Amino acid sequence: MSDKVDTPEISELSTEEIDALIGRVEEALKYDLALSSDDLRLLLNAVLTLASMQERLLDKDVTLHKLRKLLGMVKSSERLNDLLKDVNKNKKHRQKKPRKKRTFTPPKVHHSLDDLKKGDICPACQQGKLYKYEPAQLLRITGHTPFTPEMHLSERLRCNTCGQFFTAPLSDEVVADGGSDQMYGYSARSLMAINKYFSGNPFYRQESLQDILGFHISASTIFDQTEYFANDFQPVFNAMKAWAADADHFYLDDTPHRILEQQPIQKKKRNSEKMQTRTGLYASGIIATHENHDIILFQTNIGHAGEFIDELLENRQPELPPPILMGDALSSNNPTVLPVHRGACNSHGRRQYVDVLAHFPEEVEQVLELYKIIWINEDETINQSMTSANRLAYHQKKSLPIMEKIRTWGKQHFTDETVEENSGLGKAIAYFERHFDSLSLFCKIENAKIDNNKMEAMLKLIARNRKNAYFYKTLAGAAISDVITSAIATTMQTEANLFDYFNAIQRNRLAVKNNPIAWMPWNYMENFKD
């Protein structure tokens, strides 16, 4: 008499093992064979598991987490850390989206049979006739040096009477890549700019690479070619700044930089007519969201991100409502020309506590566990594709009480005098209290963001270039970098092919100059004709 099985034994099988079991079952059915006792045991467990799942799903109170526990997919621990780890794991699994793949259709090269054609007698059997069949395919990826010289020789004829020359025209492909007297094509200029300002390959490194590949291009020549491209893109860059001025939301941040020949300057003090000597050099970045497009702008000079946003907002249409501004809580990043809804980065707020975790492990751990829930809530709004109004209502219900709880916790420590205000933890609590309104702005205004991580990610383009080339020599070189890096960063937010976009800007530079707003990376294909 067989033993009664009350609960199924959950057997974790790999995909290969499941496929193999299915194959054995199909083979047994096809050839009327008997399954082994091991295969029968696996099938019995599978049927019992299915029956148990159906029974449990009839219970309306069952949750996905409970179902996963019943199936043995997660541990049965009820500890907070384990639960939060499981929440984070599931959240990351849900949130992870496949990276957008930029489609590319390779050019097709046809190879014909020279000795055979449709209707010929088969040379193998000498009986049948040949007919068209689908072509054999081979996708070949070839390697080339970054810049390859090519000498074009155009045949010329001359009249022996009048001396008139007749020259064979260049091919359309050659003309499309530059003028008849242009040594470096548009494609070479585009690649030089991308190598430098996206990949972070300094000009001298590109020169060295070309040397070992057999064709010398000096670093100064590469710089000159990137400047040509920057000049062609300048009208679009100016249009991007004008477009960004009317944005609904701004991220901003800055990072230190160096310009060797830049001397201290006299500059007006903000909100004052008083002049002061300034030496601090920064690369400032702004992400402006306008009409569902992100425009990323960079500016490197003596000045902070707050002064950069002032320059943009001075050209903002006065009838527009105040924009939302996300950045760290530094007062130097606050705009002065127009009122804004000022949000503060919660990643910075959280970091105040992280920095003192080693000295106050028990106290700080409570805050970090609470702070974690806020980002989990934000991910939930994204997963559910909530509208701006629904997102705000969700955060007001779920996240605002958490923010208030952290605030109350800190105030209570000060009231009970269990934390010294001048200690590391005391300063973290004071920072949270001082900037509470801006840290919790995402719970008060639609479309306000939680953190400034998006801008900090964009600044990695500047940091990558700075890591490989420690400085700019002149302010002009920094300005060229700002134009090209802004073009790269903005194009990266769209589905446009960066290389093709740069080529299109150069080929149509006159049209770009006349109507730059029509040559943004998200709409240039409507105007560009190759």
Protein backbone atom coordinates (compact mmCIF):
# COMPACT_ATOMS: atom_id res chain seq x y z
CA MET A 1 0.00 0.00 0.00
CA SER A 2 1.48 3.31 -1.07
CA ASP A 3 2.05 6.12 1.41
CA LYS A 4 -0.32 9.08 1.18
CA VAL A 5 1.38 12.30 0.12
CA ASP A 6 -0.04 15.30 2.03
CA THR A 7 2.14 18.03 0.58
CA PRO A 8 4.09 17.91 -2.64
CA GLU A 9 7.83 17.78 -2.53
CA ILE A 10 9.03 20.78 -4.50
CA SER A 11 11.80 19.76 -6.84
CA GLU A 12 13.72 22.59 -8.44
CA LEU A 13 14.57 21.58 -11.98
CA SER A 14 16.65 23.51 -14.48
CA THR A 15 15.29 24.36 -17.90
CA GLU A 16 17.48 21.64 -19.43
CA GLU A 17 16.14 19.03 -17.00
CA ILE A 18 12.53 20.00 -17.68
CA ASP A 19 13.10 19.87 -21.44
CA ALA A 20 14.72 16.46 -21.08
CA LEU A 21 11.77 15.15 -19.02
CA ILE A 22 9.27 16.45 -21.59
CA GLY A 23 11.29 14.76 -24.32
CA ARG A 24 11.23 11.42 -22.50
CA VAL A 25 7.48 11.65 -21.92
CA GLU A 26 6.85 12.46 -25.59
CA GLU A 27 9.07 9.56 -26.64
CA ALA A 28 7.21 7.18 -24.29
CA LEU A 29 3.87 8.23 -25.77
CA LYS A 30 5.11 7.95 -29.34
CA TYR A 31 6.66 4.47 -29.02
CA ASP A 32 4.42 3.11 -26.21
CA LEU A 33 7.32 2.88 -23.75
CA ALA A 34 7.33 2.78 -19.95
CA LEU A 35 8.75 5.65 -17.91
CA SER A 36 11.33 5.09 -15.22
CA SER A 37 10.36 5.30 -11.56
CA ASP A 38 12.33 8.58 -11.23
CA ASP A 39 10.41 10.17 -14.10
CA LEU A 40 7.09 8.98 -12.64
CA ARG A 41 8.02 10.48 -9.26
CA LEU A 42 8.80 13.83 -10.88
CA LEU A 43 5.52 13.81 -12.78
CA LEU A 44 3.58 12.93 -9.60
CA ASN A 45 5.16 15.84 -7.75
CA ALA A 46 4.30 18.16 -10.62
CA VAL A 47 0.63 17.09 -10.61
CA LEU A 48 0.39 17.42 -6.81
CA THR A 49 2.00 20.87 -6.99
CA LEU A 50 -0.51 21.96 -9.63
CA ALA A 51 -3.40 20.66 -7.52
CA SER A 52 -2.08 22.47 -4.47
CA MET A 53 -1.73 25.72 -6.43
CA GLN A 54 -5.31 25.50 -7.70
CA GLU A 55 -6.59 24.89 -4.18
CA ARG A 56 -4.60 27.80 -2.76
CA LEU A 57 -5.66 30.19 -5.52
CA LEU A 58 -9.29 29.59 -4.56
CA ASP A 59 -8.46 31.39 -1.30
CA LYS A 60 -8.93 35.09 -2.05
CA ASP A 61 -6.58 36.10 0.78
CA VAL A 62 -3.55 34.43 -0.73
CA THR A 63 -0.83 36.87 -1.83
CA LEU A 64 1.90 36.44 -4.39
CA HIS A 65 4.46 36.35 -1.59
CA LYS A 66 2.51 33.61 0.23
CA LEU A 67 2.18 31.62 -2.98
CA ARG A 68 5.92 31.87 -3.60
CA LYS A 69 6.53 30.63 -0.03
CA LEU A 70 4.11 27.71 -0.51
CA LEU A 71 5.95 26.72 -3.67
CA GLY A 72 9.29 26.89 -1.90
CA MET A 73 10.54 29.71 -4.12
CA VAL A 74 11.41 32.01 -1.21
CA LYS A 75 12.47 31.41 2.37
CA SER A 76 9.85 31.46 5.11
CA SER A 77 11.77 33.99 7.20
CA GLU A 78 9.68 36.86 8.61
CA ARG A 79 12.65 38.99 9.58
CA LEU A 80 12.44 42.57 8.30
CA ASN A 81 15.83 42.46 6.57
CA ASP A 82 14.96 39.27 4.72
CA LEU A 83 11.57 40.63 3.72
CA LEU A 84 13.07 43.88 2.43
CA LYS A 85 15.74 41.97 0.56
CA ASP A 86 13.03 39.89 -1.06
CA VAL A 87 11.04 43.03 -1.91
CA ASN A 88 14.10 44.61 -3.46
CA LYS A 89 14.90 41.46 -5.38
CA ASN A 90 11.38 41.24 -6.78
CA LYS A 91 11.31 44.98 -7.45
CA LYS A 92 14.55 44.84 -9.41
CA HIS A 93 13.22 41.87 -11.35
CA ARG A 94 10.04 43.75 -12.23
CA GLN A 95 11.74 47.03 -12.84
CA LYS A 96 14.56 45.80 -15.02
CA LYS A 97 13.68 46.67 -18.58
CA PRO A 98 15.51 45.43 -21.62
CA ARG A 99 17.93 47.99 -22.93
CA LYS A 100 16.75 49.63 -26.11
CA LYS A 101 18.53 48.10 -29.06
CA ARG A 102 19.26 50.50 -31.85
CA THR A 103 18.28 48.76 -35.05
CA PHE A 104 20.81 48.52 -37.84
CA THR A 105 20.18 46.98 -41.25
CA PRO A 106 23.45 45.83 -42.78
CA PRO A 107 24.03 46.66 -46.44
CA LYS A 108 23.47 43.71 -48.75
CA VAL A 109 26.13 42.52 -51.19
CA HIS A 110 24.89 40.15 -53.91
CA HIS A 111 27.12 37.42 -55.31
CA SER A 112 25.90 35.87 -58.56
CA LEU A 113 26.65 32.55 -60.19
CA ASP A 114 28.61 33.46 -63.31
CA ASP A 115 28.51 30.04 -64.99
CA LEU A 116 24.94 29.03 -64.16
CA LYS A 117 21.53 30.61 -64.56
CA LYS A 118 17.88 29.74 -64.08
CA GLY A 119 16.69 27.00 -66.50
CA ASP A 120 20.14 25.43 -67.08
CA ILE A 121 20.62 21.65 -66.93
CA CYS A 122 21.90 20.52 -63.54
CA PRO A 123 25.67 19.91 -63.88
CA ALA A 124 25.49 17.27 -61.13
CA CYS A 125 22.83 14.89 -62.48
CA GLN A 126 22.58 16.15 -66.08
CA GLN A 127 18.80 15.64 -65.93
CA GLY A 128 16.99 18.27 -63.86
CA LYS A 129 16.76 21.99 -64.51
CA LEU A 130 17.89 24.68 -62.13
CA TYR A 131 15.40 27.07 -60.54
CA LYS A 132 15.63 30.06 -58.22
CA TYR A 133 16.04 29.23 -54.52
CA GLU A 134 16.44 31.41 -51.44
CA PRO A 135 19.99 32.81 -51.28
CA ALA A 136 22.56 31.51 -48.84
CA GLN A 137 23.34 34.07 -46.15
CA LEU A 138 26.51 35.05 -44.36
CA LEU A 139 26.66 38.01 -41.99
CA ARG A 140 30.28 39.13 -41.98
CA ILE A 141 31.52 41.65 -39.40
CA THR A 142 34.70 43.28 -40.66
CA GLY A 143 37.22 45.44 -38.86
CA HIS A 144 38.68 48.70 -40.10
CA THR A 145 41.07 51.28 -38.76
CA PRO A 146 39.21 54.31 -37.33
CA PHE A 147 40.38 56.59 -40.14
CA THR A 148 41.38 55.15 -43.49
CA PRO A 149 42.83 57.28 -46.31
CA GLU A 150 41.46 56.84 -49.80
CA MET A 151 42.90 58.56 -52.86
CA HIS A 152 40.33 59.56 -55.50
CA LEU A 153 41.68 60.03 -59.02
CA SER A 154 39.27 61.73 -61.40
CA GLU A 155 40.04 61.34 -65.09
CA ARG A 156 40.60 64.67 -66.86
CA LEU A 157 40.63 65.65 -70.51
CA ARG A 158 41.89 68.95 -71.96
CA CYS A 159 41.13 70.59 -75.28
CA ASN A 160 44.34 71.21 -77.30
CA THR A 161 42.79 74.33 -78.82
CA CYS A 162 40.99 76.23 -76.02
CA GLY A 163 42.62 74.51 -73.06
CA GLN A 164 39.29 73.67 -71.41
CA PHE A 165 39.44 70.89 -68.78
CA PHE A 166 36.82 68.15 -68.47
CA THR A 167 36.98 66.25 -65.14
CA ALA A 168 35.10 63.10 -64.15
CA PRO A 169 32.77 63.87 -61.21
CA LEU A 170 33.22 62.22 -57.83
CA SER A 171 30.75 59.52 -56.82
CA ASP A 172 27.65 60.49 -54.85
CA GLU A 173 28.98 58.64 -51.81
CA VAL A 174 32.18 60.69 -51.76
CA VAL A 175 30.35 63.98 -52.28
CA ALA A 176 27.92 63.15 -49.44
CA ASP A 177 30.85 62.81 -47.03
CA GLY A 178 32.35 66.24 -47.72
CA GLY A 179 33.19 68.89 -50.27
CA SER A 180 35.46 68.30 -53.25
CA ASP A 181 38.33 70.09 -51.49
CA GLN A 182 37.74 68.59 -48.04
CA MET A 183 40.41 66.15 -46.83
CA TYR A 184 38.63 64.84 -43.71
CA GLY A 185 35.09 63.68 -44.39
CA TYR A 186 32.07 64.34 -42.22
CA SER A 187 32.16 60.73 -41.04
CA ALA A 188 35.76 61.14 -39.86
CA ARG A 189 34.89 64.32 -37.95
CA SER A 190 31.90 62.62 -36.33
CA LEU A 191 33.98 59.65 -35.24
CA MET A 192 36.75 61.90 -33.87
CA ALA A 193 34.20 63.81 -31.77
CA ILE A 194 32.51 60.63 -30.49
CA ASN A 195 35.86 59.04 -29.61
CA LYS A 196 36.89 62.09 -27.61
CA TYR A 197 33.76 63.28 -25.88
CA PHE A 198 31.91 59.98 -25.40
CA SER A 199 34.63 57.33 -25.20
CA GLY A 200 37.06 59.68 -23.44
CA ASN A 201 39.96 59.04 -25.83
CA PRO A 202 42.18 62.15 -25.72
CA PHE A 203 43.42 63.63 -28.97
CA TYR A 204 46.99 62.46 -28.37
CA ARG A 205 45.75 58.88 -27.78
CA GLN A 206 43.85 58.94 -31.05
CA GLU A 207 47.07 60.14 -32.70
CA SER A 208 49.04 57.26 -31.15
CA LEU A 209 46.43 54.74 -32.24
CA GLN A 210 46.59 55.97 -35.82
CA ASP A 211 50.39 55.75 -35.76
CA ILE A 212 50.41 52.06 -34.83
CA LEU A 213 47.72 51.41 -37.46
CA GLY A 214 49.87 52.92 -40.18
CA PHE A 215 48.30 56.32 -40.93
CA HIS A 216 49.37 59.37 -38.95
CA ILE A 217 46.91 62.09 -37.90
CA SER A 218 48.23 64.65 -35.45
CA ALA A 219 46.36 65.47 -32.24
CA SER A 220 46.04 69.11 -33.30
CA THR A 221 44.43 68.05 -36.59
CA ILE A 222 41.89 65.91 -34.75
CA PHE A 223 41.05 68.88 -32.51
CA ASP A 224 40.59 71.09 -35.58
CA GLN A 225 38.19 68.61 -37.14
CA THR A 226 36.08 68.34 -33.98
CA GLU A 227 35.92 72.13 -33.91
CA TYR A 228 34.50 72.12 -37.44
CA PHE A 229 31.75 69.81 -36.26
CA ALA A 230 31.10 71.94 -33.15
CA ASN A 231 30.68 75.00 -35.40
CA ASP A 232 28.13 73.16 -37.53
CA PHE A 233 26.22 72.03 -34.43
CA GLN A 234 26.33 75.41 -32.67
CA PRO A 235 22.95 76.63 -34.07
CA VAL A 236 21.26 73.49 -32.72
CA PHE A 237 23.01 73.96 -29.37
CA ASN A 238 21.69 77.52 -29.16
CA ALA A 239 18.19 76.31 -30.08
CA MET A 240 18.43 73.62 -27.38
CA LYS A 241 19.20 76.30 -24.78
CA ALA A 242 16.24 78.41 -25.92
CA TRP A 243 13.98 75.35 -25.93
CA ALA A 244 15.19 74.29 -22.47
CA ALA A 245 14.33 77.69 -20.96
CA ASP A 246 10.62 76.82 -21.12
CA ALA A 247 11.01 73.38 -19.53
CA ASP A 248 8.64 72.06 -16.88
CA HIS A 249 11.34 70.33 -14.85
CA PHE A 250 15.09 70.78 -14.41
CA TYR A 251 17.81 68.60 -12.94
CA LEU A 252 21.10 70.37 -12.27
CA ASP A 253 24.49 69.65 -10.75
CA ASP A 254 28.14 70.51 -11.31
CA THR A 255 31.58 68.99 -10.90
CA PRO A 256 35.02 70.65 -10.59
CA HIS A 257 37.20 71.03 -13.69
CA ARG A 258 40.36 72.80 -14.87
CA ILE A 259 41.23 75.21 -17.68
CA LEU A 260 44.98 75.89 -17.73
CA GLU A 261 44.93 79.35 -19.24
CA GLN A 262 41.86 80.58 -17.38
CA GLN A 263 42.75 83.45 -15.05
CA PRO A 264 40.66 84.72 -12.10
CA ILE A 265 37.87 87.02 -13.21
CA GLN A 266 35.82 89.82 -11.69
CA LYS A 267 32.19 88.79 -11.52
CA LYS A 268 29.11 90.30 -9.93
CA LYS A 269 28.05 88.73 -6.69
CA ARG A 270 24.69 87.02 -7.03
CA ASN A 271 21.77 89.24 -6.04
CA SER A 272 24.13 92.18 -5.75
CA GLU A 273 25.95 94.76 -7.83
CA LYS A 274 29.12 94.19 -5.86
CA MET A 275 32.04 92.71 -7.83
CA GLN A 276 34.17 89.89 -6.50
CA THR A 277 37.15 87.86 -7.69
CA ARG A 278 36.15 84.37 -8.78
CA THR A 279 38.45 81.39 -9.40
CA GLY A 280 36.24 78.31 -8.91
CA LEU A 281 35.96 76.40 -12.19
CA TYR A 282 33.10 73.93 -12.68
CA ALA A 283 31.47 71.89 -15.41
CA SER A 284 27.74 72.46 -14.85
CA GLY A 285 25.05 70.18 -16.22
CA ILE A 286 21.31 70.66 -16.69
CA ILE A 287 18.61 68.25 -17.84
CA ALA A 288 15.55 70.16 -19.02
CA THR A 289 12.34 68.22 -19.65
CA HIS A 290 10.09 69.98 -22.14
CA GLU A 291 7.28 68.49 -24.23
CA ASN A 292 8.35 64.96 -23.22
CA HIS A 293 11.90 65.49 -24.46
CA ASP A 294 15.04 65.63 -22.32
CA ILE A 295 17.61 68.25 -23.29
CA ILE A 296 21.03 67.84 -21.65
CA LEU A 297 23.26 70.91 -21.58
CA PHE A 298 26.76 71.42 -20.24
CA GLN A 299 28.73 74.59 -19.53
CA THR A 300 32.33 74.75 -18.27
CA ASN A 301 33.55 78.06 -16.87
CA ILE A 302 34.04 79.98 -13.64
CA GLY A 303 30.59 79.58 -12.18
CA HIS A 304 28.20 77.16 -10.49
CA ALA A 305 25.18 75.30 -11.81
CA GLY A 306 22.95 77.93 -10.17
CA GLU A 307 24.42 80.60 -12.43
CA PHE A 308 23.92 78.37 -15.47
CA ILE A 309 20.23 77.89 -14.64
CA ASP A 310 19.92 81.67 -14.18
CA GLU A 311 21.16 82.15 -17.76
CA LEU A 312 18.48 79.79 -19.06
CA LEU A 313 15.62 81.14 -16.96
CA GLU A 314 16.32 84.72 -18.04
CA ASN A 315 14.95 83.72 -21.47
CA ARG A 316 11.92 81.87 -20.09
CA GLN A 317 8.49 83.04 -21.22
CA PRO A 318 7.08 85.06 -18.30
CA GLU A 319 3.56 83.67 -18.56
CA LEU A 320 4.73 80.10 -17.84
CA PRO A 321 4.27 78.69 -14.32
CA PRO A 322 7.32 78.24 -12.09
CA PRO A 323 9.31 75.15 -13.06
CA ILE A 324 10.36 72.34 -10.73
CA LEU A 325 14.06 72.25 -9.96
CA MET A 326 15.86 69.17 -8.62
CA GLY A 327 19.41 69.33 -7.30
CA ASP A 328 21.43 69.06 -4.14
CA ALA A 329 20.68 71.46 -1.31
CA LEU A 330 23.63 73.81 -1.88
CA SER A 331 22.49 77.43 -1.86
CA SER A 332 24.84 78.19 -4.78
CA ASN A 333 22.61 76.03 -6.99
CA ASN A 334 19.48 78.04 -6.27
CA PRO A 335 18.30 80.27 -9.15
CA THR A 336 17.85 83.96 -8.46
CA VAL A 337 16.05 85.35 -11.53
CA LEU A 338 12.71 83.53 -11.17
CA PRO A 339 10.82 81.65 -8.45
CA VAL A 340 10.92 77.85 -8.75
CA HIS A 341 9.59 74.84 -6.89
CA ARG A 342 12.84 73.72 -5.27
CA GLY A 343 13.31 70.01 -4.68
CA ALA A 344 16.27 68.47 -2.88
CA CYS A 345 17.92 65.15 -3.67
CA ASN A 346 16.99 62.38 -1.24
CA SER A 347 20.09 60.44 -2.25
CA HIS A 348 22.08 63.28 -0.69
CA GLY A 349 19.79 63.30 2.34
CA ARG A 350 20.24 59.58 2.81
CA ARG A 351 23.99 59.90 2.33
CA GLN A 352 24.17 62.15 5.41
CA TYR A 353 23.16 59.13 7.48
CA VAL A 354 25.23 56.61 5.54
CA ASP A 355 28.37 58.60 6.28
CA VAL A 356 27.90 58.09 10.05
CA LEU A 357 26.69 54.48 9.93
CA ALA A 358 29.93 53.14 11.42
CA HIS A 359 29.59 55.38 14.50
CA PHE A 360 25.83 55.05 15.02
CA PRO A 361 24.92 51.65 13.51
CA GLU A 362 21.69 51.01 15.42
CA GLU A 363 20.22 54.48 14.97
CA VAL A 364 21.19 54.89 11.33
CA GLU A 365 19.95 51.43 10.33
CA GLN A 366 16.41 52.46 11.29
CA VAL A 367 16.56 55.49 9.02
CA LEU A 368 18.01 53.56 6.09
CA GLU A 369 15.31 50.90 6.36
CA LEU A 370 12.64 53.60 6.30
CA TYR A 371 14.29 55.51 3.46
CA LYS A 372 14.41 52.33 1.41
CA ILE A 373 10.62 52.16 1.32
CA ILE A 374 10.41 55.53 -0.42
CA TRP A 375 12.29 54.28 -3.49
CA ILE A 376 10.29 51.07 -3.45
CA ASN A 377 7.14 53.21 -3.59
CA GLU A 378 8.57 55.20 -6.51
CA ASP A 379 9.33 52.00 -8.39
CA GLU A 380 5.76 50.89 -7.80
CA THR A 381 4.43 54.06 -9.42
CA ILE A 382 6.62 53.33 -12.43
CA ASN A 383 5.59 49.67 -12.64
CA GLN A 384 1.93 50.65 -12.59
CA SER A 385 2.46 53.47 -15.13
CA MET A 386 0.64 55.90 -12.87
CA THR A 387 -0.42 59.32 -14.07
CA SER A 388 1.17 62.35 -12.42
CA ALA A 389 -1.89 62.90 -10.24
CA ASN A 390 -2.08 59.25 -9.18
CA ARG A 391 1.65 59.18 -8.46
CA LEU A 392 1.33 62.23 -6.23
CA ALA A 393 -1.63 60.72 -4.37
CA TYR A 394 0.27 57.45 -3.94
CA HIS A 395 3.31 59.17 -2.45
CA GLN A 396 1.15 61.31 -0.20
CA LYS A 397 -0.42 58.18 1.17
CA LYS A 398 2.63 55.89 1.28
CA SER A 399 5.79 58.01 1.35
CA LEU A 400 4.89 61.22 3.18
CA PRO A 401 4.20 59.34 6.46
CA ILE A 402 7.64 57.74 6.13
CA MET A 403 9.29 61.14 5.67
CA GLU A 404 7.36 62.48 8.66
CA LYS A 405 8.39 59.48 10.71
CA ILE A 406 12.08 60.08 9.98
CA ARG A 407 11.63 63.74 10.87
CA THR A 408 9.82 62.96 14.14
CA TRP A 409 12.45 60.37 15.04
CA GLY A 410 15.22 62.97 14.66
CA LYS A 411 13.35 65.66 16.61
CA GLN A 412 12.70 63.21 19.43
CA HIS A 413 16.41 62.45 19.74
CA PHE A 414 17.13 66.18 20.09
CA THR A 415 14.31 66.62 22.60
CA ASP A 416 15.47 63.66 24.71
CA GLU A 417 19.09 64.80 24.31
CA THR A 418 20.10 61.30 23.26
CA VAL A 419 21.98 62.68 20.26
CA GLU A 420 24.44 65.56 20.41
CA GLU A 421 23.54 68.19 17.82
CA ASN A 422 27.19 68.71 16.86
CA SER A 423 27.83 64.99 16.38
CA GLY A 424 27.82 63.33 12.98
CA LEU A 425 24.34 61.92 13.52
CA GLY A 426 23.15 65.25 14.89
CA LYS A 427 24.29 67.04 11.76
CA ALA A 428 22.54 64.45 9.58
CA ILE A 429 19.30 64.95 11.51
CA ALA A 430 19.68 68.74 11.29
CA TYR A 431 20.26 68.50 7.51
CA PHE A 432 17.06 66.46 7.08
CA GLU A 433 15.07 68.90 9.23
CA ARG A 434 16.51 71.98 7.54
CA HIS A 435 15.69 70.76 4.02
CA PHE A 436 12.56 68.74 4.83
CA ASP A 437 10.24 70.82 2.62
CA SER A 438 12.44 70.39 -0.47
CA LEU A 439 13.28 66.74 0.31
CA SER A 440 9.55 65.92 0.51
CA LEU A 441 8.53 68.03 -2.52
CA PHE A 442 7.72 64.86 -4.49
CA CYS A 443 4.86 64.33 -2.00
CA LYS A 444 3.46 67.82 -2.58
CA ILE A 445 3.73 68.69 -6.29
CA GLU A 446 3.03 66.63 -9.40
CA ASN A 447 6.08 65.48 -11.38
CA ALA A 448 8.57 66.45 -8.65
CA LYS A 449 11.39 63.91 -8.54
CA ILE A 450 12.83 62.01 -5.59
CA ASP A 451 16.53 62.33 -6.35
CA ASN A 452 19.08 63.85 -8.70
CA ASN A 453 20.59 60.55 -9.83
CA LYS A 454 19.73 61.15 -13.48
CA MET A 455 21.87 64.29 -13.65
CA GLU A 456 24.73 62.67 -11.78
CA ALA A 457 24.67 59.84 -14.32
CA MET A 458 24.99 62.35 -17.16
CA LEU A 459 27.94 64.04 -15.45
CA LYS A 460 29.83 60.77 -15.87
CA LEU A 461 30.45 61.86 -19.47
CA ILE A 462 32.36 64.85 -18.10
CA ALA A 463 34.11 62.74 -15.46
CA ARG A 464 35.18 60.14 -18.04
CA ASN A 465 36.72 62.79 -20.27
CA ARG A 466 38.35 64.48 -17.27
CA LYS A 467 39.83 61.18 -16.10
CA ASN A 468 41.61 60.67 -19.42
CA ALA A 469 42.40 64.30 -20.24
CA TYR A 470 42.88 66.13 -16.96
CA PHE A 471 42.15 69.65 -18.20
CA TYR A 472 41.29 71.97 -21.06
CA LYS A 473 43.96 74.33 -22.28
CA THR A 474 41.67 77.24 -23.13
CA LEU A 475 38.11 78.36 -22.55
CA ALA A 476 37.50 77.86 -26.27
CA GLY A 477 38.43 74.19 -25.95
CA ALA A 478 36.05 73.84 -23.01
CA ALA A 479 33.25 75.49 -25.02
CA ILE A 480 33.78 73.01 -27.89
CA SER A 481 33.54 70.18 -25.37
CA ASP A 482 30.30 71.62 -23.97
CA VAL A 483 28.65 71.78 -27.40
CA ILE A 484 29.64 68.27 -28.48
CA THR A 485 29.02 66.59 -25.12
CA SER A 486 25.56 68.22 -24.97
CA ALA A 487 24.86 66.87 -28.47
CA ILE A 488 25.96 63.37 -27.47
CA ALA A 489 24.05 63.30 -24.17
CA THR A 490 20.81 64.64 -25.68
CA THR A 491 20.96 62.24 -28.63
CA MET A 492 21.53 59.33 -26.23
CA GLN A 493 18.04 59.99 -24.78
CA THR A 494 16.45 59.34 -28.17
CA GLU A 495 16.45 56.41 -30.55
CA ALA A 496 18.51 58.32 -33.12
CA ASN A 497 21.80 56.86 -34.34
CA LEU A 498 24.46 59.21 -32.97
CA PHE A 499 26.89 58.72 -35.87
CA ASP A 500 24.21 59.22 -38.53
CA TYR A 501 22.86 62.28 -36.71
CA PHE A 502 26.25 63.95 -36.58
CA ASN A 503 26.80 63.27 -40.28
CA ALA A 504 23.36 64.66 -41.15
CA ILE A 505 24.04 67.90 -39.26
CA GLN A 506 27.24 68.49 -41.25
CA ARG A 507 25.78 67.57 -44.64
CA ASN A 508 22.90 69.97 -44.13
CA ARG A 509 24.66 72.73 -42.22
CA LEU A 510 23.01 75.51 -44.23
CA ALA A 511 19.52 74.14 -43.53
CA VAL A 512 20.51 73.62 -39.90
CA LYS A 513 21.63 77.23 -39.63
CA ASN A 514 18.38 78.52 -41.14
CA ASN A 515 16.05 76.38 -39.00
CA PRO A 516 17.91 74.67 -36.14
CA ILE A 517 14.77 73.76 -34.20
CA ALA A 518 13.89 71.33 -37.01
CA TRP A 519 17.18 69.50 -36.52
CA MET A 520 16.83 68.26 -32.97
CA PRO A 521 17.88 64.60 -32.56
CA TRP A 522 14.27 63.47 -32.13
CA ASN A 523 12.92 65.13 -35.29
CA TYR A 524 15.82 65.52 -37.71
CA MET A 525 14.81 62.47 -39.76
CA GLU A 526 11.71 64.36 -40.88
CA ASN A 527 13.95 66.89 -42.64
CA PHE A 528 17.06 64.92 -43.52
CA LYS A 529 17.28 63.37 -46.93
CA ASP A 530 20.40 61.35 -47.57
